[in-house]
Amino acid sequence: MVYSAAEDRYQQMQYRRCGNSGLKLPLVSLGLWHNFGQIDKYENARNILRLAFDKGITHFDLANNYGPPSGSAEETFGSIFKKDFKPYRDELIISTKAGWGMWPGPYGDLGSKKYLVASLDQSLKRMGLDYVDIFYHHRPDPDTPLEETMGTLDLMVQQGKALYVGISSYQPAEAAKAFAILKQLGTPCLIHQPKYSMFERWIEDGLLDLLGNEGVGCIPFSSLAQGLLTNKYLKGIPQDSRAASHRGNGAMDEDAVTDEKIEKVKKLNALAEQRGQSLAQMALAWVIKDPRVTSVIIGVSKPEQVTDSIKCINNYAFSSEELSLINQMLG
C-alpha cells in the first residue's frame, strides 16, 4: 500500500515557535531513541511513524547512536523515509546528533571537528538525506575547546548539511558560552534538548531562564521518566516494561522503580484522573505548560501510544492549586 498522509493532519496538532527563530515545531515530537533499532519490529516502527505524521507530528528526532545497535535507528528511519515520506520531505523536521561513542578509537566520540563532521556524513548516508533540519551536539565535551565544537556546528550549516543547530544536556554556564560563540559565528543556537520531567527538574535552576532570555527553544526528553510517569508501574514492574527489558542504550534500570516513587506516581495518577487525563497525558502537559518549552519528545513502543500521548495538547493549563499539589506530592 502506498502511504498517503491524512489530509486533516495539521488540524490535529498545535505548533509553537522555536525561540526567536522562524521555525515552528509541533507541541509533541517523536523520538526514535528506542523501538526503532535492528532488534525491533520494522512494521511496528513504520506504523508508528505513519500514525505520528497523520496526527500532525512533523518532527522526528534521532541520533547517531540510537538503536540498538548504534546507527540502526537511522537506518530504519532511512528505509521508511524512502518508502513513505520522500514526497513529504519539505513538511518534515528531521534532527540528529553526535556526541556519544560511535566507533572505536579516538575519533568516534565527544566533540572534535573530526568526529562531528564524519558522524553527520554517516548519518545522512544512513537516512538517505541531503541535509538534516537540526544537528545537535549531544553532550558537553570538557576536553575539546567549545570554539571547535560550535565552529563545527556552524560549518555544517555553511556546507548545507544542516539548516539549524542545537545542543543537548548542557548546564546553564556552558550553554551560555555555546550560545555566545554561535551568535558570533552568525549561526544562532536554535534549540536545547535537556532531560526534564516531574521527577527531574534541574532545568528550572537557571537553564529555562537562560533559554527564555536568549530566545533559544527547549525540547525536553524523558518527560515520562521513561515510562515511570504512566500507569504502567502502578502495580510494580510489568514484564514488558523498559525497566524489565535490559535493552541497554539508556533504558531504565529496575532499581529506578522504588516503592517511594511508586507511591508518588499513585498520587499523581489520582490527580490526573481528576483532570480527566491519563497520568502520561498530565506529565506531558505539565512540561508544555511553560511557554519557553517549544515541544516535548515522546518515545513510544506502539502506535496507540502516539494517539494517547498527543491528547496532552487538549489540556495543558494548571491551576496554582494543582501545581502546588504536584510539588507537595513530589516532595
C-alpha atoms as a PDB file:
ATOM      1  CA  MET A   1       0.000   0.000   0.000  1.00  0.00           C
ATOM      2  CA  VAL A   2       1.329   3.409  -0.983  1.00  0.00           C
ATOM      3  CA  TYR A   3       1.245   5.719   2.026  1.00  0.00           C
ATOM      4  CA  SER A   4      -0.837   8.849   1.714  1.00  0.00           C
ATOM      5  CA  ALA A   5      -0.819  11.216   4.706  1.00  0.00           C
ATOM      6  CA  ALA A   6      -4.075  12.162   6.448  1.00  0.00           C
ATOM      7  CA  GLU A   7      -5.487  15.348   4.934  1.00  0.00           C
ATOM      8  CA  ASP A   8      -6.535  16.758   8.305  1.00  0.00           C
ATOM      9  CA  ARG A   9      -3.109  16.215   9.951  1.00  0.00           C
ATOM     10  CA  TYR A  10      -2.477  19.908  10.629  1.00  0.00           C
ATOM     11  CA  GLN A  11      -5.838  20.316  12.349  1.00  0.00           C
ATOM     12  CA  GLN A  12      -4.837  17.663  14.898  1.00  0.00           C
ATOM     13  CA  MET A  13      -1.715  19.327  16.284  1.00  0.00           C
ATOM     14  CA  GLN A  14      -0.669  22.678  17.739  1.00  0.00           C
ATOM     15  CA  TYR A  15       2.622  24.307  16.740  1.00  0.00           C
ATOM     16  CA  ARG A  16       4.859  26.619  18.729  1.00  0.00           C
ATOM     17  CA  ARG A  17       7.606  28.947  17.537  1.00  0.00           C
ATOM     18  CA  CYS A  18      11.096  27.788  18.476  1.00  0.00           C
ATOM     19  CA  GLY A  19      12.751  30.593  20.471  1.00  0.00           C
ATOM     20  CA  ASN A  20      13.400  33.670  18.337  1.00  0.00           C
ATOM     21  CA  SER A  21      13.602  31.674  15.092  1.00  0.00           C
ATOM     22  CA  GLY A  22      11.127  31.474  12.253  1.00  0.00           C
ATOM     23  CA  LEU A  23      10.692  27.737  12.797  1.00  0.00           C
ATOM     24  CA  LYS A  24       7.617  26.219  14.412  1.00  0.00           C
ATOM     25  CA  LEU A  25       7.644  22.740  15.922  1.00  0.00           C
ATOM     26  CA  PRO A  26       4.696  20.524  16.848  1.00  0.00           C
ATOM     27  CA  LEU A  27       3.933  20.658  20.579  1.00  0.00           C
ATOM     28  CA  VAL A  28       4.667  16.913  20.588  1.00  0.00           C
ATOM     29  CA  SER A  29       7.650  15.479  18.678  1.00  0.00           C
ATOM     30  CA  LEU A  30       8.539  11.814  18.129  1.00  0.00           C
ATOM     31  CA  GLY A  31      11.867  10.474  19.400  1.00  0.00           C
ATOM     32  CA  LEU A  32      13.454   7.361  17.891  1.00  0.00           C
ATOM     33  CA  TRP A  33      15.758   6.591  20.834  1.00  0.00           C
ATOM     34  CA  HIS A  34      14.149   3.194  21.489  1.00  0.00           C
ATOM     35  CA  ASN A  35      11.975   0.824  19.425  1.00  0.00           C
ATOM     36  CA  PHE A  36      13.446   1.694  16.001  1.00  0.00           C
ATOM     37  CA  GLY A  37      16.628  -0.405  16.171  1.00  0.00           C
ATOM     38  CA  GLN A  38      17.636  -3.543  14.333  1.00  0.00           C
ATOM     39  CA  ILE A  39      16.283  -5.604  17.241  1.00  0.00           C
ATOM     40  CA  ASP A  40      12.797  -4.072  16.869  1.00  0.00           C
ATOM     41  CA  LYS A  41       9.918  -4.951  14.547  1.00  0.00           C
ATOM     42  CA  TYR A  42      10.192  -2.944  11.319  1.00  0.00           C
ATOM     43  CA  GLU A  43       6.460  -2.838  10.538  1.00  0.00           C
ATOM     44  CA  ASN A  44       5.711  -1.566  14.040  1.00  0.00           C
ATOM     45  CA  ALA A  45       8.251   1.241  13.583  1.00  0.00           C
ATOM     46  CA  ARG A  46       6.700   2.073  10.224  1.00  0.00           C
ATOM     47  CA  ASN A  47       3.179   2.152  11.665  1.00  0.00           C
ATOM     48  CA  ILE A  48       4.302   4.452  14.491  1.00  0.00           C
ATOM     49  CA  LEU A  49       5.930   6.929  12.077  1.00  0.00           C
ATOM     50  CA  ARG A  50       2.949   6.955   9.716  1.00  0.00           C
ATOM     51  CA  LEU A  51       0.456   7.493  12.514  1.00  0.00           C
ATOM     52  CA  ALA A  52       2.599  10.235  14.083  1.00  0.00           C
ATOM     53  CA  PHE A  53       2.676  12.193  10.816  1.00  0.00           C
ATOM     54  CA  ASP A  54      -1.051  11.592  10.294  1.00  0.00           C
ATOM     55  CA  LYS A  55      -1.561  13.239  13.701  1.00  0.00           C
ATOM     56  CA  GLY A  56       0.453  16.329  12.722  1.00  0.00           C
ATOM     57  CA  ILE A  57       3.777  15.327  14.312  1.00  0.00           C
ATOM     58  CA  THR A  58       6.189  16.798  11.793  1.00  0.00           C
ATOM     59  CA  HIS A  59       9.374  16.430  13.854  1.00  0.00           C
ATOM     60  CA  PHE A  60      11.301  13.150  14.097  1.00  0.00           C
ATOM     61  CA  ASP A  61      14.258  13.213  16.491  1.00  0.00           C
ATOM     62  CA  LEU A  62      17.209  10.834  16.023  1.00  0.00           C
ATOM     63  CA  ALA A  63      20.875  10.467  16.964  1.00  0.00           C
ATOM     64  CA  ASN A  64      23.817   8.570  15.505  1.00  0.00           C
ATOM     65  CA  ASN A  65      23.875   6.081  18.415  1.00  0.00           C
ATOM     66  CA  TYR A  66      20.151   5.256  18.570  1.00  0.00           C
ATOM     67  CA  GLY A  67      19.320   1.578  18.079  1.00  0.00           C
ATOM     68  CA  PRO A  68      20.480  -0.843  19.278  1.00  0.00           C
ATOM     69  CA  PRO A  69      22.879  -1.419  17.641  1.00  0.00           C
ATOM     70  CA  SER A  70      24.125   2.146  17.187  1.00  0.00           C
ATOM     71  CA  GLY A  71      23.177   3.587  13.808  1.00  0.00           C
ATOM     72  CA  SER A  72      20.293   1.200  13.234  1.00  0.00           C
ATOM     73  CA  ALA A  73      17.513   3.646  14.167  1.00  0.00           C
ATOM     74  CA  GLU A  74      18.768   5.982  11.431  1.00  0.00           C
ATOM     75  CA  GLU A  75      18.899   3.032   9.000  1.00  0.00           C
ATOM     76  CA  THR A  76      15.326   2.015   9.882  1.00  0.00           C
ATOM     77  CA  PHE A  77      14.174   5.610   9.533  1.00  0.00           C
ATOM     78  CA  GLY A  78      16.009   5.963   6.196  1.00  0.00           C
ATOM     79  CA  SER A  79      14.288   2.897   4.792  1.00  0.00           C
ATOM     80  CA  ILE A  80      10.826   4.090   5.933  1.00  0.00           C
ATOM     81  CA  PHE A  81      11.545   7.629   4.730  1.00  0.00           C
ATOM     82  CA  LYS A  82      12.363   6.306   1.249  1.00  0.00           C
ATOM     83  CA  LYS A  83       9.151   4.226   1.094  1.00  0.00           C
ATOM     84  CA  ASP A  84       6.684   6.609   2.745  1.00  0.00           C
ATOM     85  CA  PHE A  85       7.922  10.112   3.452  1.00  0.00           C
ATOM     86  CA  LYS A  86      10.065  11.229   0.499  1.00  0.00           C
ATOM     87  CA  PRO A  87       7.174  13.202  -1.065  1.00  0.00           C
ATOM     88  CA  TYR A  88       6.696  14.961   2.302  1.00  0.00           C
ATOM     89  CA  ARG A  89      10.344  15.940   2.936  1.00  0.00           C
ATOM     90  CA  ASP A  90       9.551  19.670   2.966  1.00  0.00           C
ATOM     91  CA  GLU A  91       6.880  19.110   5.638  1.00  0.00           C
ATOM     92  CA  LEU A  92       9.288  17.314   7.986  1.00  0.00           C
ATOM     93  CA  ILE A  93      11.798  18.428  10.594  1.00  0.00           C
ATOM     94  CA  ILE A  94      14.418  15.693  10.957  1.00  0.00           C
ATOM     95  CA  SER A  95      17.098  16.051  13.609  1.00  0.00           C
ATOM     96  CA  THR A  96      20.141  14.001  14.535  1.00  0.00           C
ATOM     97  CA  LYS A  97      23.012  14.287  16.992  1.00  0.00           C
ATOM     98  CA  ALA A  98      26.618  13.322  17.648  1.00  0.00           C
ATOM     99  CA  GLY A  99      28.488  13.297  20.933  1.00  0.00           C
ATOM    100  CA  TRP A 100      28.365   9.782  22.387  1.00  0.00           C
ATOM    101  CA  GLY A 101      30.651   6.871  21.476  1.00  0.00           C
ATOM    102  CA  MET A 102      30.013   5.654  17.955  1.00  0.00           C
ATOM    103  CA  TRP A 103      33.087   3.820  16.621  1.00  0.00           C
ATOM    104  CA  PRO A 104      36.417   2.584  18.075  1.00  0.00           C
ATOM    105  CA  GLY A 105      39.452   4.784  18.548  1.00  0.00           C
ATOM    106  CA  PRO A 106      39.921   8.456  19.473  1.00  0.00           C
ATOM    107  CA  TYR A 107      37.821   9.943  16.636  1.00  0.00           C
ATOM    108  CA  GLY A 108      34.443   8.318  17.310  1.00  0.00           C
ATOM    109  CA  ASP A 109      33.253  10.157  20.416  1.00  0.00           C
ATOM    110  CA  LEU A 110      32.733  13.520  22.162  1.00  0.00           C
ATOM    111  CA  GLY A 111      33.105  16.882  20.399  1.00  0.00           C
ATOM    112  CA  SER A 112      36.040  17.180  17.983  1.00  0.00           C
ATOM    113  CA  LYS A 113      35.610  18.580  14.494  1.00  0.00           C
ATOM    114  CA  LYS A 114      36.910  15.271  13.109  1.00  0.00           C
ATOM    115  CA  TYR A 115      34.168  13.293  14.886  1.00  0.00           C
ATOM    116  CA  LEU A 116      31.224  15.629  14.255  1.00  0.00           C
ATOM    117  CA  VAL A 117      31.888  16.029  10.520  1.00  0.00           C
ATOM    118  CA  ALA A 118      32.357  12.279   9.983  1.00  0.00           C
ATOM    119  CA  SER A 119      29.322  11.439  12.103  1.00  0.00           C
ATOM    120  CA  LEU A 120      26.933  13.740  10.268  1.00  0.00           C
ATOM    121  CA  ASP A 121      28.147  12.398   6.905  1.00  0.00           C
ATOM    122  CA  GLN A 122      27.439   8.862   8.125  1.00  0.00           C
ATOM    123  CA  SER A 123      24.006   9.867   9.476  1.00  0.00           C
ATOM    124  CA  LEU A 124      22.985  11.469   6.175  1.00  0.00           C
ATOM    125  CA  LYS A 125      24.045   8.325   4.327  1.00  0.00           C
ATOM    126  CA  ARG A 126      22.101   6.026   6.696  1.00  0.00           C
ATOM    127  CA  MET A 127      18.945   8.128   6.377  1.00  0.00           C
ATOM    128  CA  GLY A 128      19.276   8.812   2.655  1.00  0.00           C
ATOM    129  CA  LEU A 129      19.049  12.587   3.186  1.00  0.00           C
ATOM    130  CA  ASP A 130      20.852  15.552   1.637  1.00  0.00           C
ATOM    131  CA  TYR A 131      20.587  17.522   4.881  1.00  0.00           C
ATOM    132  CA  VAL A 132      19.058  17.393   8.353  1.00  0.00           C
ATOM    133  CA  ASP A 133      16.932  20.207   9.689  1.00  0.00           C
ATOM    134  CA  ILE A 134      18.639  20.255  13.108  1.00  0.00           C
ATOM    135  CA  PHE A 135      22.082  18.921  14.039  1.00  0.00           C
ATOM    136  CA  TYR A 136      22.890  18.727  17.753  1.00  0.00           C
ATOM    137  CA  HIS A 137      25.995  18.309  19.806  1.00  0.00           C
ATOM    138  CA  HIS A 138      24.634  15.531  22.018  1.00  0.00           C
ATOM    139  CA  ARG A 139      26.547  16.226  25.244  1.00  0.00           C
ATOM    140  CA  PRO A 140      29.274  18.576  26.506  1.00  0.00           C
ATOM    141  CA  ASP A 141      32.913  17.573  25.969  1.00  0.00           C
ATOM    142  CA  PRO A 142      35.172  19.050  28.665  1.00  0.00           C
ATOM    143  CA  ASP A 143      38.351  18.219  26.723  1.00  0.00           C
ATOM    144  CA  THR A 144      37.556  19.899  23.389  1.00  0.00           C
ATOM    145  CA  PRO A 145      37.502  23.707  23.188  1.00  0.00           C
ATOM    146  CA  LEU A 146      33.893  24.853  22.859  1.00  0.00           C
ATOM    147  CA  GLU A 147      35.014  27.069  19.959  1.00  0.00           C
ATOM    148  CA  GLU A 148      35.987  23.945  17.991  1.00  0.00           C
ATOM    149  CA  THR A 149      32.698  22.129  18.652  1.00  0.00           C
ATOM    150  CA  MET A 150      30.467  25.155  17.989  1.00  0.00           C
ATOM    151  CA  GLY A 151      32.602  26.143  14.987  1.00  0.00           C
ATOM    152  CA  THR A 152      31.905  22.697  13.531  1.00  0.00           C
ATOM    153  CA  LEU A 153      28.140  23.104  14.025  1.00  0.00           C
ATOM    154  CA  ASP A 154      28.404  26.413  12.164  1.00  0.00           C
ATOM    155  CA  LEU A 155      30.442  24.719   9.401  1.00  0.00           C
ATOM    156  CA  MET A 156      27.733  22.072   8.910  1.00  0.00           C
ATOM    157  CA  VAL A 157      25.220  24.862   8.285  1.00  0.00           C
ATOM    158  CA  GLN A 158      27.613  26.651   5.903  1.00  0.00           C
ATOM    159  CA  GLN A 159      28.080  23.402   3.982  1.00  0.00           C
ATOM    160  CA  GLY A 160      24.318  22.881   3.697  1.00  0.00           C
ATOM    161  CA  LYS A 161      24.342  19.637   5.704  1.00  0.00           C
ATOM    162  CA  ALA A 162      22.127  21.140   8.443  1.00  0.00           C
ATOM    163  CA  LEU A 163      19.673  24.045   8.469  1.00  0.00           C
ATOM    164  CA  TYR A 164      19.821  24.732  12.217  1.00  0.00           C
ATOM    165  CA  VAL A 165      21.965  23.636  15.153  1.00  0.00           C
ATOM    166  CA  GLY A 166      21.294  22.720  18.764  1.00  0.00           C
ATOM    167  CA  ILE A 167      22.904  21.385  21.911  1.00  0.00           C
ATOM    168  CA  SER A 168      21.771  18.729  24.382  1.00  0.00           C
ATOM    169  CA  SER A 169      22.371  18.196  28.110  1.00  0.00           C
ATOM    170  CA  TYR A 170      24.495  21.337  28.579  1.00  0.00           C
ATOM    171  CA  GLN A 171      24.403  23.015  32.010  1.00  0.00           C
ATOM    172  CA  PRO A 172      23.473  26.747  32.087  1.00  0.00           C
ATOM    173  CA  ALA A 173      27.024  28.181  32.219  1.00  0.00           C
ATOM    174  CA  GLU A 174      28.365  26.076  29.332  1.00  0.00           C
ATOM    175  CA  ALA A 175      25.138  26.601  27.360  1.00  0.00           C
ATOM    176  CA  ALA A 176      25.503  30.396  27.728  1.00  0.00           C
ATOM    177  CA  LYS A 177      29.075  30.187  26.407  1.00  0.00           C
ATOM    178  CA  ALA A 178      27.970  27.999  23.479  1.00  0.00           C
ATOM    179  CA  PHE A 179      25.177  30.446  22.590  1.00  0.00           C
ATOM    180  CA  ALA A 180      27.624  33.381  22.601  1.00  0.00           C
ATOM    181  CA  ILE A 181      30.081  31.585  20.283  1.00  0.00           C
ATOM    182  CA  LEU A 182      27.353  30.542  17.843  1.00  0.00           C
ATOM    183  CA  LYS A 183      25.836  34.030  17.804  1.00  0.00           C
ATOM    184  CA  GLN A 184      29.239  35.488  16.957  1.00  0.00           C
ATOM    185  CA  LEU A 185      29.628  32.971  14.126  1.00  0.00           C
ATOM    186  CA  GLY A 186      26.252  34.001  12.680  1.00  0.00           C
ATOM    187  CA  THR A 187      24.549  30.626  13.287  1.00  0.00           C
ATOM    188  CA  PRO A 188      22.483  31.181  16.443  1.00  0.00           C
ATOM    189  CA  CYS A 189      21.625  28.138  18.541  1.00  0.00           C
ATOM    190  CA  LEU A 190      18.070  27.120  17.663  1.00  0.00           C
ATOM    191  CA  ILE A 191      17.295  24.730  20.494  1.00  0.00           C
ATOM    192  CA  HIS A 192      18.462  22.942  23.629  1.00  0.00           C
ATOM    193  CA  GLN A 193      17.420  19.357  24.415  1.00  0.00           C
ATOM    194  CA  PRO A 194      17.570  18.605  28.160  1.00  0.00           C
ATOM    195  CA  LYS A 195      16.211  15.772  30.279  1.00  0.00           C
ATOM    196  CA  TYR A 196      13.155  17.190  32.078  1.00  0.00           C
ATOM    197  CA  SER A 197      10.213  15.643  33.889  1.00  0.00           C
ATOM    198  CA  MET A 198       8.279  15.953  37.130  1.00  0.00           C
ATOM    199  CA  PHE A 199      10.998  13.753  38.655  1.00  0.00           C
ATOM    200  CA  GLU A 200      13.967  15.565  37.073  1.00  0.00           C
ATOM    201  CA  ARG A 201      13.732  19.335  37.347  1.00  0.00           C
ATOM    202  CA  TRP A 202      17.299  20.626  37.122  1.00  0.00           C
ATOM    203  CA  ILE A 203      16.499  22.905  34.175  1.00  0.00           C
ATOM    204  CA  GLU A 204      14.374  25.063  36.492  1.00  0.00           C
ATOM    205  CA  ASP A 205      17.621  26.167  38.232  1.00  0.00           C
ATOM    206  CA  GLY A 206      18.702  28.666  35.612  1.00  0.00           C
ATOM    207  CA  LEU A 207      18.550  26.890  32.256  1.00  0.00           C
ATOM    208  CA  LEU A 208      14.907  27.711  31.422  1.00  0.00           C
ATOM    209  CA  ASP A 209      15.515  31.377  32.303  1.00  0.00           C
ATOM    210  CA  LEU A 210      18.619  31.421  30.098  1.00  0.00           C
ATOM    211  CA  LEU A 211      16.730  29.882  27.162  1.00  0.00           C
ATOM    212  CA  GLY A 212      13.884  32.393  27.566  1.00  0.00           C
ATOM    213  CA  ASN A 213      16.281  35.354  27.720  1.00  0.00           C
ATOM    214  CA  GLU A 214      18.418  34.154  24.792  1.00  0.00           C
ATOM    215  CA  GLY A 215      15.469  33.208  22.578  1.00  0.00           C
ATOM    216  CA  VAL A 216      16.546  29.566  22.320  1.00  0.00           C
ATOM    217  CA  GLY A 217      13.908  26.824  22.117  1.00  0.00           C
ATOM    218  CA  CYS A 218      13.646  23.989  24.635  1.00  0.00           C
ATOM    219  CA  ILE A 219      12.681  20.425  23.723  1.00  0.00           C
ATOM    220  CA  PRO A 220      12.774  18.083  26.735  1.00  0.00           C
ATOM    221  CA  PHE A 221      13.284  14.324  26.509  1.00  0.00           C
ATOM    222  CA  SER A 222      12.370  11.565  29.005  1.00  0.00           C
ATOM    223  CA  SER A 223       9.401  13.618  30.225  1.00  0.00           C
ATOM    224  CA  LEU A 224       7.573  10.419  31.191  1.00  0.00           C
ATOM    225  CA  ALA A 225      10.664   9.387  33.186  1.00  0.00           C
ATOM    226  CA  GLN A 226      10.994   6.526  30.669  1.00  0.00           C
ATOM    227  CA  GLY A 227       7.561   5.129  31.481  1.00  0.00           C
ATOM    228  CA  LEU A 228       7.527   5.730  35.227  1.00  0.00           C
ATOM    229  CA  LEU A 229       5.083   8.651  34.798  1.00  0.00           C
ATOM    230  CA  THR A 230       2.496   6.409  33.132  1.00  0.00           C
ATOM    231  CA  ASN A 231       0.031   3.886  34.551  1.00  0.00           C
ATOM    232  CA  LYS A 232       2.483   1.089  33.664  1.00  0.00           C
ATOM    233  CA  TYR A 233       4.189   0.902  37.070  1.00  0.00           C
ATOM    234  CA  LEU A 234       1.200   1.456  39.370  1.00  0.00           C
ATOM    235  CA  LYS A 235       1.323  -2.212  40.413  1.00  0.00           C
ATOM    236  CA  GLY A 236       5.103  -2.753  40.289  1.00  0.00           C
ATOM    237  CA  ILE A 237       7.323  -3.704  37.340  1.00  0.00           C
ATOM    238  CA  PRO A 238       5.492  -5.413  34.449  1.00  0.00           C
ATOM    239  CA  GLN A 239       7.357  -7.912  32.259  1.00  0.00           C
ATOM    240  CA  ASP A 240       7.146  -5.823  29.063  1.00  0.00           C
ATOM    241  CA  SER A 241       8.405  -2.594  30.636  1.00  0.00           C
ATOM    242  CA  ARG A 242      11.676  -0.805  29.927  1.00  0.00           C
ATOM    243  CA  ALA A 243      12.801  -1.493  33.479  1.00  0.00           C
ATOM    244  CA  ALA A 244      12.440  -5.231  32.863  1.00  0.00           C
ATOM    245  CA  SER A 245      13.724  -5.280  29.279  1.00  0.00           C
ATOM    246  CA  HIS A 246      17.502  -4.956  29.826  1.00  0.00           C
ATOM    247  CA  ARG A 247      17.798  -3.233  26.440  1.00  0.00           C
ATOM    248  CA  GLY A 248      20.812  -1.161  27.429  1.00  0.00           C
ATOM    249  CA  ASN A 249      21.206   2.095  25.460  1.00  0.00           C
ATOM    250  CA  GLY A 250      19.870   4.211  28.309  1.00  0.00           C
ATOM    251  CA  ALA A 251      16.767   2.146  29.032  1.00  0.00           C
ATOM    252  CA  MET A 252      15.596   2.316  32.618  1.00  0.00           C
ATOM    253  CA  ASP A 253      17.124   0.130  35.334  1.00  0.00           C
ATOM    254  CA  GLU A 254      14.847  -1.843  37.628  1.00  0.00           C
ATOM    255  CA  ASP A 255      16.313  -0.115  40.677  1.00  0.00           C
ATOM    256  CA  ALA A 256      14.960   3.223  39.385  1.00  0.00           C
ATOM    257  CA  VAL A 257      11.467   1.953  40.263  1.00  0.00           C
ATOM    258  CA  THR A 258      11.440   2.324  44.050  1.00  0.00           C
ATOM    259  CA  ASP A 259       8.458   1.887  46.385  1.00  0.00           C
ATOM    260  CA  GLU A 260       8.714   5.584  47.257  1.00  0.00           C
ATOM    261  CA  LYS A 261       8.481   6.542  43.580  1.00  0.00           C
ATOM    262  CA  ILE A 262       5.510   4.221  43.030  1.00  0.00           C
ATOM    263  CA  GLU A 263       3.688   5.939  45.922  1.00  0.00           C
ATOM    264  CA  LYS A 264       4.278   9.348  44.315  1.00  0.00           C
ATOM    265  CA  VAL A 265       3.115   8.003  40.964  1.00  0.00           C
ATOM    266  CA  LYS A 266      -0.133   6.727  42.531  1.00  0.00           C
ATOM    267  CA  LYS A 267      -0.882  10.176  43.989  1.00  0.00           C
ATOM    268  CA  LEU A 268      -0.105  11.894  40.686  1.00  0.00           C
ATOM    269  CA  ASN A 269      -2.313   9.372  38.891  1.00  0.00           C
ATOM    270  CA  ALA A 270      -5.266  10.291  41.153  1.00  0.00           C
ATOM    271  CA  LEU A 271      -4.804  13.974  40.279  1.00  0.00           C
ATOM    272  CA  ALA A 272      -4.589  13.151  36.562  1.00  0.00           C
ATOM    273  CA  GLU A 273      -7.904  11.299  36.832  1.00  0.00           C
ATOM    274  CA  GLN A 274      -9.490  14.375  38.442  1.00  0.00           C
ATOM    275  CA  ARG A 275      -8.237  16.420  35.462  1.00  0.00           C
ATOM    276  CA  GLY A 276      -9.758  13.921  33.022  1.00  0.00           C
ATOM    277  CA  GLN A 277      -6.325  12.842  31.789  1.00  0.00           C
ATOM    278  CA  SER A 278      -4.161   9.751  31.941  1.00  0.00           C
ATOM    279  CA  LEU A 279      -1.015  10.137  34.045  1.00  0.00           C
ATOM    280  CA  ALA A 280       1.114  10.200  30.880  1.00  0.00           C
ATOM    281  CA  GLN A 281      -1.026  12.973  29.374  1.00  0.00           C
ATOM    282  CA  MET A 282      -0.761  15.037  32.563  1.00  0.00           C
ATOM    283  CA  ALA A 283       3.019  14.518  32.797  1.00  0.00           C
ATOM    284  CA  LEU A 284       3.473  15.742  29.209  1.00  0.00           C
ATOM    285  CA  ALA A 285       1.007  18.607  29.735  1.00  0.00           C
ATOM    286  CA  TRP A 286       2.975  19.652  32.839  1.00  0.00           C
ATOM    287  CA  VAL A 287       6.093  20.056  30.652  1.00  0.00           C
ATOM    288  CA  ILE A 288       4.455  22.023  27.809  1.00  0.00           C
ATOM    289  CA  LYS A 289       2.607  24.344  30.217  1.00  0.00           C
ATOM    290  CA  ASP A 290       5.755  26.525  30.173  1.00  0.00           C
ATOM    291  CA  PRO A 291       5.785  28.743  27.033  1.00  0.00           C
ATOM    292  CA  ARG A 292       9.596  28.512  26.928  1.00  0.00           C
ATOM    293  CA  VAL A 293       9.211  24.804  26.107  1.00  0.00           C
ATOM    294  CA  THR A 294       8.780  24.572  22.336  1.00  0.00           C
ATOM    295  CA  SER A 295       7.942  20.884  22.118  1.00  0.00           C
ATOM    296  CA  VAL A 296       8.166  17.682  24.151  1.00  0.00           C
ATOM    297  CA  ILE A 297       9.702  14.493  22.741  1.00  0.00           C
ATOM    298  CA  ILE A 298       7.750  11.287  23.244  1.00  0.00           C
ATOM    299  CA  GLY A 299       9.120   7.772  22.908  1.00  0.00           C
ATOM    300  CA  VAL A 300       6.591   5.072  22.106  1.00  0.00           C
ATOM    301  CA  SER A 301       6.624   1.327  21.509  1.00  0.00           C
ATOM    302  CA  LYS A 302       3.118   1.032  19.990  1.00  0.00           C
ATOM    303  CA  PRO A 303       1.136   3.248  17.588  1.00  0.00           C
ATOM    304  CA  GLU A 304      -1.722   3.664  20.080  1.00  0.00           C
ATOM    305  CA  GLN A 305       0.702   5.362  22.499  1.00  0.00           C
ATOM    306  CA  VAL A 306       1.086   8.168  19.941  1.00  0.00           C
ATOM    307  CA  THR A 307      -2.675   8.713  19.903  1.00  0.00           C
ATOM    308  CA  ASP A 308      -2.814   8.626  23.695  1.00  0.00           C
ATOM    309  CA  SER A 309       0.180  10.927  24.271  1.00  0.00           C
ATOM    310  CA  ILE A 310      -0.877  13.734  21.951  1.00  0.00           C
ATOM    311  CA  LYS A 311      -4.107  14.183  23.901  1.00  0.00           C
ATOM    312  CA  CYS A 312      -1.908  16.172  26.328  1.00  0.00           C
ATOM    313  CA  ILE A 313      -2.378  19.181  23.998  1.00  0.00           C
ATOM    314  CA  ASN A 314      -6.105  19.242  24.832  1.00  0.00           C
ATOM    315  CA  ASN A 315      -5.429  20.489  28.369  1.00  0.00           C
ATOM    316  CA  TYR A 316      -2.063  21.860  29.496  1.00  0.00           C
ATOM    317  CA  ALA A 317      -3.399  24.596  31.795  1.00  0.00           C
ATOM    318  CA  PHE A 318      -2.804  24.007  35.505  1.00  0.00           C
ATOM    319  CA  SER A 319      -4.306  25.996  38.367  1.00  0.00           C
ATOM    320  CA  SER A 320      -1.909  27.296  41.025  1.00  0.00           C
ATOM    321  CA  GLU A 321      -3.586  24.836  43.436  1.00  0.00           C
ATOM    322  CA  GLU A 322      -2.808  21.911  41.120  1.00  0.00           C
ATOM    323  CA  LEU A 323       0.803  22.992  40.697  1.00  0.00           C
ATOM    324  CA  SER A 324       1.343  23.329  44.419  1.00  0.00           C
ATOM    325  CA  LEU A 325      -0.342  19.950  44.980  1.00  0.00           C
ATOM    326  CA  ILE A 326       2.034  18.344  42.430  1.00  0.00           C
ATOM    327  CA  ASN A 327       5.029  19.903  44.228  1.00  0.00           C
ATOM    328  CA  GLN A 328       3.773  18.503  47.526  1.00  0.00           C
ATOM    329  CA  MET A 329       3.289  15.036  46.028  1.00  0.00           C
ATOM    330  CA  LEU A 330       6.789  15.054  44.586  1.00  0.00           C
ATOM    331  CA  GLY A 331       8.107  16.111  47.992  1.00  0.00           C
END
